[in-house]
C-alpha cells in the first residue's frame, strides 16, 4: 500500500482543513520503511526537521503535532491511485 502525508492547520486542537498539503509515496518506494523512517521523511517534507513533535499512533495512522505550531501532520496508508 502507498503512504500519504497530509499536513493541515488546527483549531481548538483538532484538524481544521482551512488549508491542506498532501503527498503520496508509491507502494514501491514505501515498501519496507519503518515507522521511524516514515516519520523522518514526513517531517522533512513538511519542514518540521528539528522541531519536536508529539506522536499519536492509531495503528493505520500516525499523527504528529509539532510543538508551538497550530498544525498537524498525518501519515496514513492509502491506495496507489489516490492523490
N, C-alpha and C. Protein backbone atom coordinates (compact mmCIF):
# COMPACT_ATOMS: atom_id res chain seq x y z
N UNK A 1 0.83 -1.18 0.00
CA UNK A 1 0.00 0.00 0.00
C UNK A 1 0.88 1.25 0.00
N UNK A 2 0.36 2.28 -0.55
CA UNK A 2 1.07 3.55 -0.60
C UNK A 2 0.90 4.28 0.74
N UNK A 3 1.72 5.27 0.95
CA UNK A 3 1.68 6.08 2.17
C UNK A 3 1.31 7.50 1.78
N UNK A 4 0.42 8.12 2.55
CA UNK A 4 0.02 9.51 2.29
C UNK A 4 0.42 10.38 3.47
N UNK A 5 1.07 11.52 3.16
CA UNK A 5 1.35 12.56 4.15
C UNK A 5 0.30 13.64 3.96
N UNK A 6 -0.26 14.12 5.06
CA UNK A 6 -1.29 15.16 4.99
C UNK A 6 -1.00 16.18 6.09
N UNK A 7 -0.71 17.39 5.72
CA UNK A 7 -0.36 18.46 6.65
C UNK A 7 -1.45 19.52 6.60
N UNK A 8 -2.00 19.89 7.76
CA UNK A 8 -3.07 20.89 7.79
C UNK A 8 -2.98 21.69 9.09
N UNK A 9 -3.82 22.72 9.18
CA UNK A 9 -3.86 23.57 10.37
C UNK A 9 -4.81 22.95 11.41
N UNK A 10 -4.73 23.48 12.62
CA UNK A 10 -5.64 23.03 13.67
C UNK A 10 -6.39 24.22 14.24
N UNK A 11 -7.55 23.92 14.81
CA UNK A 11 -8.34 24.93 15.52
C UNK A 11 -8.91 24.24 16.75
N UNK A 12 -8.57 24.72 17.91
CA UNK A 12 -9.02 24.09 19.14
C UNK A 12 -8.42 22.70 19.33
N UNK A 13 -7.25 22.46 18.74
CA UNK A 13 -6.58 21.18 18.89
C UNK A 13 -7.00 20.12 17.89
N UNK A 14 -8.00 20.40 17.07
CA UNK A 14 -8.49 19.45 16.07
C UNK A 14 -8.09 19.89 14.67
N UNK A 15 -7.95 18.93 13.76
CA UNK A 15 -7.63 19.26 12.36
C UNK A 15 -8.72 20.15 11.79
N UNK A 16 -8.34 21.26 11.16
CA UNK A 16 -9.29 22.26 10.68
C UNK A 16 -9.50 22.21 9.17
N UNK A 17 -8.49 21.88 8.40
CA UNK A 17 -8.54 21.79 6.94
C UNK A 17 -8.91 23.12 6.28
N UNK A 18 -8.51 24.25 6.89
CA UNK A 18 -8.64 25.54 6.21
C UNK A 18 -7.69 25.54 5.02
N UNK A 19 -6.56 24.89 5.17
CA UNK A 19 -5.62 24.62 4.08
C UNK A 19 -5.06 23.22 4.32
N UNK A 20 -4.62 22.58 3.28
CA UNK A 20 -4.07 21.23 3.41
C UNK A 20 -3.06 20.97 2.29
N UNK A 21 -1.96 20.28 2.63
CA UNK A 21 -0.96 19.83 1.67
C UNK A 21 -0.88 18.32 1.77
N UNK A 22 -0.86 17.65 0.62
CA UNK A 22 -0.79 16.18 0.60
C UNK A 22 0.31 15.72 -0.34
N UNK A 23 0.88 14.57 0.02
CA UNK A 23 1.85 13.89 -0.85
C UNK A 23 1.63 12.40 -0.68
N UNK A 24 1.68 11.67 -1.79
CA UNK A 24 1.56 10.21 -1.77
C UNK A 24 2.90 9.60 -2.16
N UNK A 25 3.36 8.64 -1.36
CA UNK A 25 4.56 7.88 -1.67
C UNK A 25 4.10 6.55 -2.24
N UNK A 26 4.46 6.22 -3.47
CA UNK A 26 4.01 4.97 -4.09
C UNK A 26 4.45 3.74 -3.31
N UNK A 27 3.73 2.65 -3.52
CA UNK A 27 4.00 1.39 -2.82
C UNK A 27 5.44 0.94 -2.99
N UNK A 28 5.97 1.02 -4.20
CA UNK A 28 7.33 0.55 -4.46
C UNK A 28 8.35 1.31 -3.61
N UNK A 29 8.12 2.59 -3.40
CA UNK A 29 9.04 3.41 -2.63
C UNK A 29 8.82 3.26 -1.13
N UNK A 30 7.58 3.01 -0.71
CA UNK A 30 7.22 2.93 0.71
C UNK A 30 7.43 1.55 1.31
N UNK A 31 7.58 0.55 0.48
CA UNK A 31 7.69 -0.82 0.95
C UNK A 31 8.94 -1.01 1.81
N UNK A 32 8.75 -1.54 3.00
CA UNK A 32 9.86 -1.84 3.90
C UNK A 32 10.29 -0.69 4.80
N UNK A 33 9.65 0.46 4.71
CA UNK A 33 10.02 1.58 5.58
C UNK A 33 9.45 1.36 6.98
N UNK A 34 10.24 1.64 7.99
CA UNK A 34 9.77 1.53 9.37
C UNK A 34 9.01 2.80 9.73
N UNK A 35 8.30 2.76 10.86
CA UNK A 35 7.58 3.96 11.32
C UNK A 35 8.53 5.12 11.53
N UNK A 36 9.69 4.86 12.10
CA UNK A 36 10.67 5.92 12.35
C UNK A 36 11.14 6.56 11.04
N UNK A 37 11.38 5.73 10.02
CA UNK A 37 11.79 6.26 8.72
C UNK A 37 10.68 7.08 8.09
N UNK A 38 9.44 6.62 8.22
CA UNK A 38 8.30 7.37 7.68
C UNK A 38 8.15 8.72 8.38
N UNK A 39 8.31 8.72 9.69
CA UNK A 39 8.20 9.97 10.45
C UNK A 39 9.29 10.95 10.03
N UNK A 40 10.50 10.49 9.89
CA UNK A 40 11.59 11.38 9.46
C UNK A 40 11.34 11.95 8.06
N UNK A 41 10.86 11.09 7.16
CA UNK A 41 10.58 11.54 5.80
C UNK A 41 9.42 12.55 5.79
N UNK A 42 8.38 12.29 6.57
CA UNK A 42 7.23 13.19 6.64
C UNK A 42 7.62 14.53 7.26
N UNK A 43 8.42 14.50 8.31
CA UNK A 43 8.84 15.75 8.94
C UNK A 43 9.70 16.58 7.99
N UNK A 44 10.57 15.93 7.23
CA UNK A 44 11.40 16.66 6.25
C UNK A 44 10.51 17.27 5.18
N UNK A 45 9.52 16.51 4.70
CA UNK A 45 8.60 17.02 3.67
C UNK A 45 7.82 18.24 4.17
N UNK A 46 7.37 18.20 5.43
CA UNK A 46 6.56 19.29 5.98
C UNK A 46 7.39 20.45 6.51
N UNK A 47 8.71 20.28 6.57
CA UNK A 47 9.56 21.35 7.08
C UNK A 47 9.67 21.36 8.60
N UNK A 48 9.43 20.22 9.24
CA UNK A 48 9.48 20.11 10.69
C UNK A 48 10.78 19.52 11.20
N UNK A 49 11.77 19.36 10.35
CA UNK A 49 13.04 18.80 10.79
C UNK A 49 13.61 19.67 11.92
N UNK A 50 13.94 19.04 13.04
CA UNK A 50 14.48 19.77 14.18
C UNK A 50 13.42 20.29 15.13
N UNK A 51 12.16 20.13 14.80
CA UNK A 51 11.06 20.57 15.67
C UNK A 51 10.51 19.35 16.41
N UNK A 52 10.41 19.44 17.73
CA UNK A 52 9.86 18.33 18.50
C UNK A 52 8.37 18.20 18.21
N UNK A 53 7.92 16.96 18.07
CA UNK A 53 6.51 16.68 17.78
C UNK A 53 5.98 15.66 18.78
N UNK A 54 4.71 15.82 19.15
CA UNK A 54 4.02 14.80 19.93
C UNK A 54 3.41 13.82 18.95
N UNK A 55 3.62 12.52 19.21
CA UNK A 55 3.19 11.47 18.28
C UNK A 55 2.01 10.71 18.87
N UNK A 56 1.00 10.48 18.02
CA UNK A 56 -0.13 9.63 18.38
C UNK A 56 -0.22 8.54 17.32
N UNK A 57 -0.16 7.27 17.74
CA UNK A 57 -0.19 6.16 16.80
C UNK A 57 -1.54 5.45 16.93
N UNK A 58 -2.32 5.45 15.85
CA UNK A 58 -3.64 4.84 15.83
C UNK A 58 -3.64 3.50 15.09
N UNK A 59 -2.49 2.92 14.83
CA UNK A 59 -2.40 1.66 14.12
C UNK A 59 -2.20 1.86 12.63
N UNK A 60 -3.22 2.40 11.94
CA UNK A 60 -3.10 2.64 10.50
C UNK A 60 -2.76 4.09 10.17
N UNK A 61 -2.76 4.95 11.18
CA UNK A 61 -2.45 6.37 11.00
C UNK A 61 -1.56 6.84 12.15
N UNK A 62 -0.59 7.66 11.80
CA UNK A 62 0.26 8.31 12.80
C UNK A 62 0.01 9.81 12.69
N UNK A 63 -0.27 10.45 13.82
CA UNK A 63 -0.49 11.90 13.85
C UNK A 63 0.68 12.55 14.58
N UNK A 64 1.27 13.56 13.95
CA UNK A 64 2.36 14.32 14.56
C UNK A 64 1.89 15.74 14.80
N UNK A 65 2.03 16.20 16.04
CA UNK A 65 1.66 17.57 16.40
C UNK A 65 2.93 18.33 16.79
N UNK A 66 3.43 19.20 15.90
CA UNK A 66 4.65 19.95 16.23
C UNK A 66 4.38 20.93 17.37
N UNK A 67 5.27 20.95 18.32
CA UNK A 67 5.11 21.82 19.48
C UNK A 67 5.30 23.28 19.07
N UNK A 68 4.39 24.13 19.50
CA UNK A 68 4.48 25.56 19.21
C UNK A 68 3.83 25.97 17.91
N UNK A 69 3.26 25.03 17.16
CA UNK A 69 2.58 25.34 15.89
C UNK A 69 1.15 24.82 15.95
N UNK A 70 0.25 25.53 15.35
CA UNK A 70 -1.15 25.08 15.26
C UNK A 70 -1.33 24.29 13.97
N UNK A 71 -0.61 23.18 13.88
CA UNK A 71 -0.65 22.32 12.70
C UNK A 71 -0.62 20.87 13.13
N UNK A 72 -1.00 19.99 12.22
CA UNK A 72 -0.94 18.55 12.45
C UNK A 72 -0.52 17.87 11.16
N UNK A 73 0.21 16.78 11.30
CA UNK A 73 0.70 16.01 10.15
C UNK A 73 0.25 14.57 10.32
N UNK A 74 -0.52 14.07 9.36
CA UNK A 74 -0.99 12.70 9.38
C UNK A 74 -0.16 11.86 8.41
N UNK A 75 0.20 10.66 8.83
CA UNK A 75 0.86 9.67 7.98
C UNK A 75 -0.08 8.48 7.95
N UNK A 76 -0.60 8.14 6.77
CA UNK A 76 -1.58 7.05 6.70
C UNK A 76 -1.39 6.23 5.43
N UNK A 77 -1.96 5.03 5.44
CA UNK A 77 -1.93 4.15 4.28
C UNK A 77 -3.06 4.52 3.33
N UNK A 78 -2.82 4.35 2.05
CA UNK A 78 -3.84 4.64 1.04
C UNK A 78 -3.59 3.75 -0.18
N UNK A 79 -4.50 3.79 -1.11
CA UNK A 79 -4.33 3.07 -2.37
C UNK A 79 -3.40 3.86 -3.28
N UNK A 80 -2.72 3.19 -4.18
CA UNK A 80 -1.79 3.87 -5.09
C UNK A 80 -2.49 4.91 -5.96
N UNK A 81 -3.74 4.70 -6.30
CA UNK A 81 -4.45 5.59 -7.22
C UNK A 81 -4.89 6.89 -6.55
N UNK A 82 -4.96 6.96 -5.20
CA UNK A 82 -5.38 8.18 -4.52
C UNK A 82 -4.30 9.23 -4.58
N UNK A 83 -4.71 10.48 -4.85
CA UNK A 83 -3.76 11.59 -4.83
C UNK A 83 -4.46 12.87 -4.58
